[in-house]
């Protein structure tokens, strides 16, 4: 859902095309370490707990976007996309 409107939102905040491209790069690159760590994490804490962690991170990400004033800070929230 966020990916459908993130570019409009960043444009309204004054974000550049470079920033919009970096959001895709950061969200994709942040997924690599998470994918490597998923199986050991899954075996250690269980699938339900991973769902709960993902849901909590999703809430933090949505709240972060609500209060976002500097468009460059969105890169922090985009790095959380792999967990959600």
N, C-alpha and C. Protein backbone atom coordinates (compact mmCIF):
# COMPACT_ATOMS: atom_id res chain seq x y z
N UNK A 1 0.82 -1.19 0.00
CA UNK A 1 0.00 0.00 0.00
C UNK A 1 0.86 1.26 0.00
N UNK A 2 1.92 1.26 0.77
CA UNK A 2 2.79 2.44 0.83
C UNK A 2 3.43 2.69 -0.52
N UNK A 3 3.83 1.63 -1.21
CA UNK A 3 4.55 1.81 -2.46
C UNK A 3 3.70 2.45 -3.55
N UNK A 4 2.39 2.39 -3.42
CA UNK A 4 1.52 2.99 -4.43
C UNK A 4 1.52 4.52 -4.33
N UNK A 5 1.73 5.05 -3.13
CA UNK A 5 1.59 6.49 -2.92
C UNK A 5 2.86 7.18 -2.44
N UNK A 6 3.93 6.44 -2.23
CA UNK A 6 5.13 7.03 -1.65
C UNK A 6 5.71 8.12 -2.53
N UNK A 7 5.69 7.94 -3.84
CA UNK A 7 6.28 8.94 -4.72
C UNK A 7 5.48 10.23 -4.75
N UNK A 8 4.16 10.13 -4.72
CA UNK A 8 3.34 11.33 -4.63
C UNK A 8 3.60 12.07 -3.33
N UNK A 9 3.69 11.30 -2.26
CA UNK A 9 3.93 11.89 -0.95
C UNK A 9 5.28 12.60 -0.90
N UNK A 10 6.31 11.94 -1.41
CA UNK A 10 7.64 12.54 -1.41
C UNK A 10 7.69 13.77 -2.31
N UNK A 11 6.97 13.74 -3.41
CA UNK A 11 6.93 14.91 -4.29
C UNK A 11 6.27 16.09 -3.59
N UNK A 12 5.22 15.82 -2.83
CA UNK A 12 4.56 16.89 -2.06
C UNK A 12 5.48 17.47 -1.00
N UNK A 13 6.39 16.64 -0.46
CA UNK A 13 7.34 17.12 0.54
C UNK A 13 8.55 17.80 -0.08
N UNK A 14 8.66 17.77 -1.40
CA UNK A 14 9.79 18.40 -2.07
C UNK A 14 10.93 17.44 -2.38
N UNK A 15 10.64 16.16 -2.39
CA UNK A 15 11.66 15.16 -2.69
C UNK A 15 12.05 15.16 -4.16
N UNK A 16 13.30 14.85 -4.43
CA UNK A 16 13.80 14.83 -5.80
C UNK A 16 13.61 13.45 -6.44
N UNK A 17 13.87 13.39 -7.75
CA UNK A 17 13.81 12.10 -8.44
C UNK A 17 14.89 11.17 -7.93
N UNK A 18 16.04 11.72 -7.55
CA UNK A 18 17.12 10.90 -6.98
C UNK A 18 16.63 10.20 -5.71
N UNK A 19 15.96 10.93 -4.85
CA UNK A 19 15.44 10.35 -3.62
C UNK A 19 14.43 9.24 -3.92
N UNK A 20 13.59 9.46 -4.89
CA UNK A 20 12.59 8.45 -5.24
C UNK A 20 13.25 7.18 -5.76
N UNK A 21 14.32 7.33 -6.51
CA UNK A 21 15.05 6.15 -6.96
C UNK A 21 15.77 5.46 -5.82
N UNK A 22 16.29 6.25 -4.89
CA UNK A 22 16.99 5.67 -3.75
C UNK A 22 16.05 4.89 -2.83
N UNK A 23 14.79 5.30 -2.77
CA UNK A 23 13.84 4.55 -1.93
C UNK A 23 13.70 3.12 -2.42
N UNK A 24 13.66 2.94 -3.73
CA UNK A 24 13.56 1.59 -4.29
C UNK A 24 14.84 0.81 -4.03
N UNK A 25 15.99 1.48 -4.19
CA UNK A 25 17.27 0.83 -3.98
C UNK A 25 17.45 0.40 -2.53
N UNK A 26 17.14 1.29 -1.61
CA UNK A 26 17.30 0.99 -0.19
C UNK A 26 16.36 -0.13 0.24
N UNK A 27 15.12 -0.07 -0.21
CA UNK A 27 14.17 -1.12 0.20
C UNK A 27 14.57 -2.47 -0.37
N UNK A 28 15.10 -2.50 -1.58
CA UNK A 28 15.54 -3.77 -2.15
C UNK A 28 16.81 -4.30 -1.50
N UNK A 29 17.77 -3.40 -1.28
CA UNK A 29 19.05 -3.82 -0.69
C UNK A 29 18.90 -4.23 0.77
N UNK A 30 17.97 -3.64 1.48
CA UNK A 30 17.79 -4.02 2.88
C UNK A 30 17.19 -5.41 3.02
N UNK A 31 16.58 -5.91 1.97
CA UNK A 31 15.99 -7.24 2.02
C UNK A 31 17.01 -8.36 1.99
N UNK A 32 18.19 -8.10 1.45
CA UNK A 32 19.19 -9.16 1.32
C UNK A 32 19.63 -9.71 2.67
N UNK A 33 20.06 -8.87 3.63
CA UNK A 33 20.45 -9.44 4.93
C UNK A 33 19.28 -10.12 5.65
N UNK A 34 18.09 -9.55 5.50
CA UNK A 34 16.94 -10.16 6.16
C UNK A 34 16.64 -11.55 5.61
N UNK A 35 16.75 -11.70 4.30
CA UNK A 35 16.50 -13.02 3.70
C UNK A 35 17.54 -14.04 4.13
N UNK A 36 18.76 -13.60 4.34
CA UNK A 36 19.80 -14.51 4.81
C UNK A 36 19.60 -14.92 6.27
N UNK A 37 19.01 -14.04 7.06
CA UNK A 37 18.81 -14.31 8.48
C UNK A 37 17.44 -14.90 8.80
N UNK A 38 16.57 -15.00 7.82
CA UNK A 38 15.20 -15.42 8.10
C UNK A 38 15.12 -16.84 8.64
N UNK A 39 15.77 -17.78 8.01
CA UNK A 39 15.63 -19.19 8.44
C UNK A 39 16.15 -19.43 9.85
N UNK A 40 17.35 -18.94 10.21
CA UNK A 40 17.77 -19.14 11.61
C UNK A 40 16.85 -18.43 12.60
N UNK A 41 16.35 -17.26 12.22
CA UNK A 41 15.43 -16.53 13.10
C UNK A 41 14.12 -17.29 13.24
N UNK A 42 13.64 -17.85 12.15
CA UNK A 42 12.40 -18.60 12.16
C UNK A 42 12.52 -19.83 13.06
N UNK A 43 13.64 -20.52 12.96
CA UNK A 43 13.83 -21.71 13.79
C UNK A 43 13.99 -21.36 15.26
N UNK A 44 14.51 -20.17 15.55
CA UNK A 44 14.74 -19.78 16.94
C UNK A 44 13.49 -19.24 17.63
N UNK A 45 12.73 -18.35 16.96
CA UNK A 45 11.61 -17.72 17.66
C UNK A 45 10.24 -18.15 17.13
N UNK A 46 10.18 -18.81 15.99
CA UNK A 46 8.90 -19.29 15.47
C UNK A 46 8.24 -18.30 14.51
N UNK A 47 7.39 -18.83 13.67
CA UNK A 47 6.77 -18.05 12.62
C UNK A 47 5.78 -17.01 13.16
N UNK A 48 5.02 -17.37 14.17
CA UNK A 48 4.04 -16.42 14.73
C UNK A 48 4.75 -15.20 15.29
N UNK A 49 5.86 -15.39 15.98
CA UNK A 49 6.60 -14.26 16.53
C UNK A 49 7.20 -13.39 15.43
N UNK A 50 7.58 -13.99 14.32
CA UNK A 50 8.07 -13.19 13.19
C UNK A 50 6.93 -12.34 12.62
N UNK A 51 5.72 -12.91 12.55
CA UNK A 51 4.57 -12.12 12.11
C UNK A 51 4.31 -10.95 13.05
N UNK A 52 4.42 -11.17 14.34
CA UNK A 52 4.19 -10.11 15.32
C UNK A 52 5.25 -9.01 15.17
N UNK A 53 6.50 -9.40 15.01
CA UNK A 53 7.57 -8.42 14.81
C UNK A 53 7.33 -7.62 13.53
N UNK A 54 6.95 -8.30 12.46
CA UNK A 54 6.65 -7.61 11.21
C UNK A 54 5.50 -6.63 11.36
N UNK A 55 4.47 -7.02 12.10
CA UNK A 55 3.34 -6.13 12.32
C UNK A 55 3.75 -4.90 13.13
N UNK A 56 4.56 -5.08 14.15
CA UNK A 56 5.02 -3.96 14.97
C UNK A 56 5.88 -3.01 14.15
N UNK A 57 6.76 -3.57 13.32
CA UNK A 57 7.59 -2.72 12.46
C UNK A 57 6.73 -1.98 11.44
N UNK A 58 5.69 -2.63 10.94
CA UNK A 58 4.77 -1.98 10.00
C UNK A 58 4.08 -0.78 10.66
N UNK A 59 3.66 -0.95 11.90
CA UNK A 59 3.03 0.16 12.62
C UNK A 59 4.02 1.31 12.79
N UNK A 60 5.26 0.99 13.18
CA UNK A 60 6.28 2.02 13.35
C UNK A 60 6.54 2.74 12.02
N UNK A 61 6.54 1.99 10.95
CA UNK A 61 6.78 2.57 9.63
C UNK A 61 5.64 3.50 9.21
N UNK A 62 4.41 3.09 9.42
CA UNK A 62 3.28 3.95 9.08
C UNK A 62 3.27 5.22 9.92
N UNK A 63 3.49 5.08 11.20
CA UNK A 63 3.52 6.26 12.08
C UNK A 63 4.66 7.19 11.69
N UNK A 64 5.80 6.62 11.32
CA UNK A 64 6.92 7.44 10.87
C UNK A 64 6.58 8.25 9.63
N UNK A 65 5.88 7.63 8.69
CA UNK A 65 5.47 8.37 7.49
C UNK A 65 4.46 9.46 7.80
N UNK A 66 3.62 9.24 8.79
CA UNK A 66 2.63 10.25 9.15
C UNK A 66 3.30 11.52 9.63
N UNK A 67 4.36 11.39 10.42
CA UNK A 67 5.03 12.55 10.99
C UNK A 67 6.26 13.00 10.20
N UNK A 68 6.43 12.50 9.00
CA UNK A 68 7.60 12.81 8.19
C UNK A 68 7.55 14.25 7.68
N UNK A 69 8.62 14.99 7.92
CA UNK A 69 8.73 16.36 7.42
C UNK A 69 9.89 16.49 6.44
N UNK A 70 10.99 15.81 6.70
CA UNK A 70 12.14 15.83 5.82
C UNK A 70 12.06 14.61 4.90
N UNK A 71 11.96 14.81 3.59
CA UNK A 71 11.75 13.65 2.71
C UNK A 71 12.91 12.65 2.73
N UNK A 72 14.12 13.06 3.08
CA UNK A 72 15.26 12.14 3.09
C UNK A 72 15.18 11.14 4.24
N UNK A 73 14.39 11.42 5.25
CA UNK A 73 14.24 10.49 6.37
C UNK A 73 13.47 9.25 5.95
N UNK A 74 12.76 9.33 4.85
CA UNK A 74 11.99 8.18 4.38
C UNK A 74 12.89 6.99 4.07
N UNK A 75 14.18 7.22 3.83
CA UNK A 75 15.09 6.10 3.56
C UNK A 75 15.21 5.18 4.77
N UNK A 76 15.07 5.73 5.97
CA UNK A 76 15.08 4.91 7.17
C UNK A 76 13.87 3.99 7.19
N UNK A 77 12.72 4.54 6.85
CA UNK A 77 11.49 3.76 6.84
C UNK A 77 11.46 2.75 5.69
N UNK A 78 12.07 3.09 4.59
CA UNK A 78 12.13 2.15 3.46
C UNK A 78 13.04 0.98 3.76
N UNK A 79 14.04 1.19 4.61
CA UNK A 79 14.92 0.09 5.00
C UNK A 79 14.17 -0.95 5.82
N UNK A 80 13.06 -0.56 6.41
CA UNK A 80 12.26 -1.49 7.22
C UNK A 80 11.33 -2.35 6.36
N UNK A 81 11.27 -2.09 5.08
CA UNK A 81 10.32 -2.78 4.22
C UNK A 81 10.56 -4.29 4.19
N UNK A 82 11.80 -4.71 4.28
CA UNK A 82 12.08 -6.16 4.24
C UNK A 82 11.47 -6.89 5.43
N UNK A 83 11.44 -6.23 6.57
CA UNK A 83 10.87 -6.86 7.77
C UNK A 83 9.35 -6.92 7.66
N UNK A 84 8.75 -5.94 7.03
CA UNK A 84 7.30 -5.92 6.92
C UNK A 84 6.83 -6.75 5.76
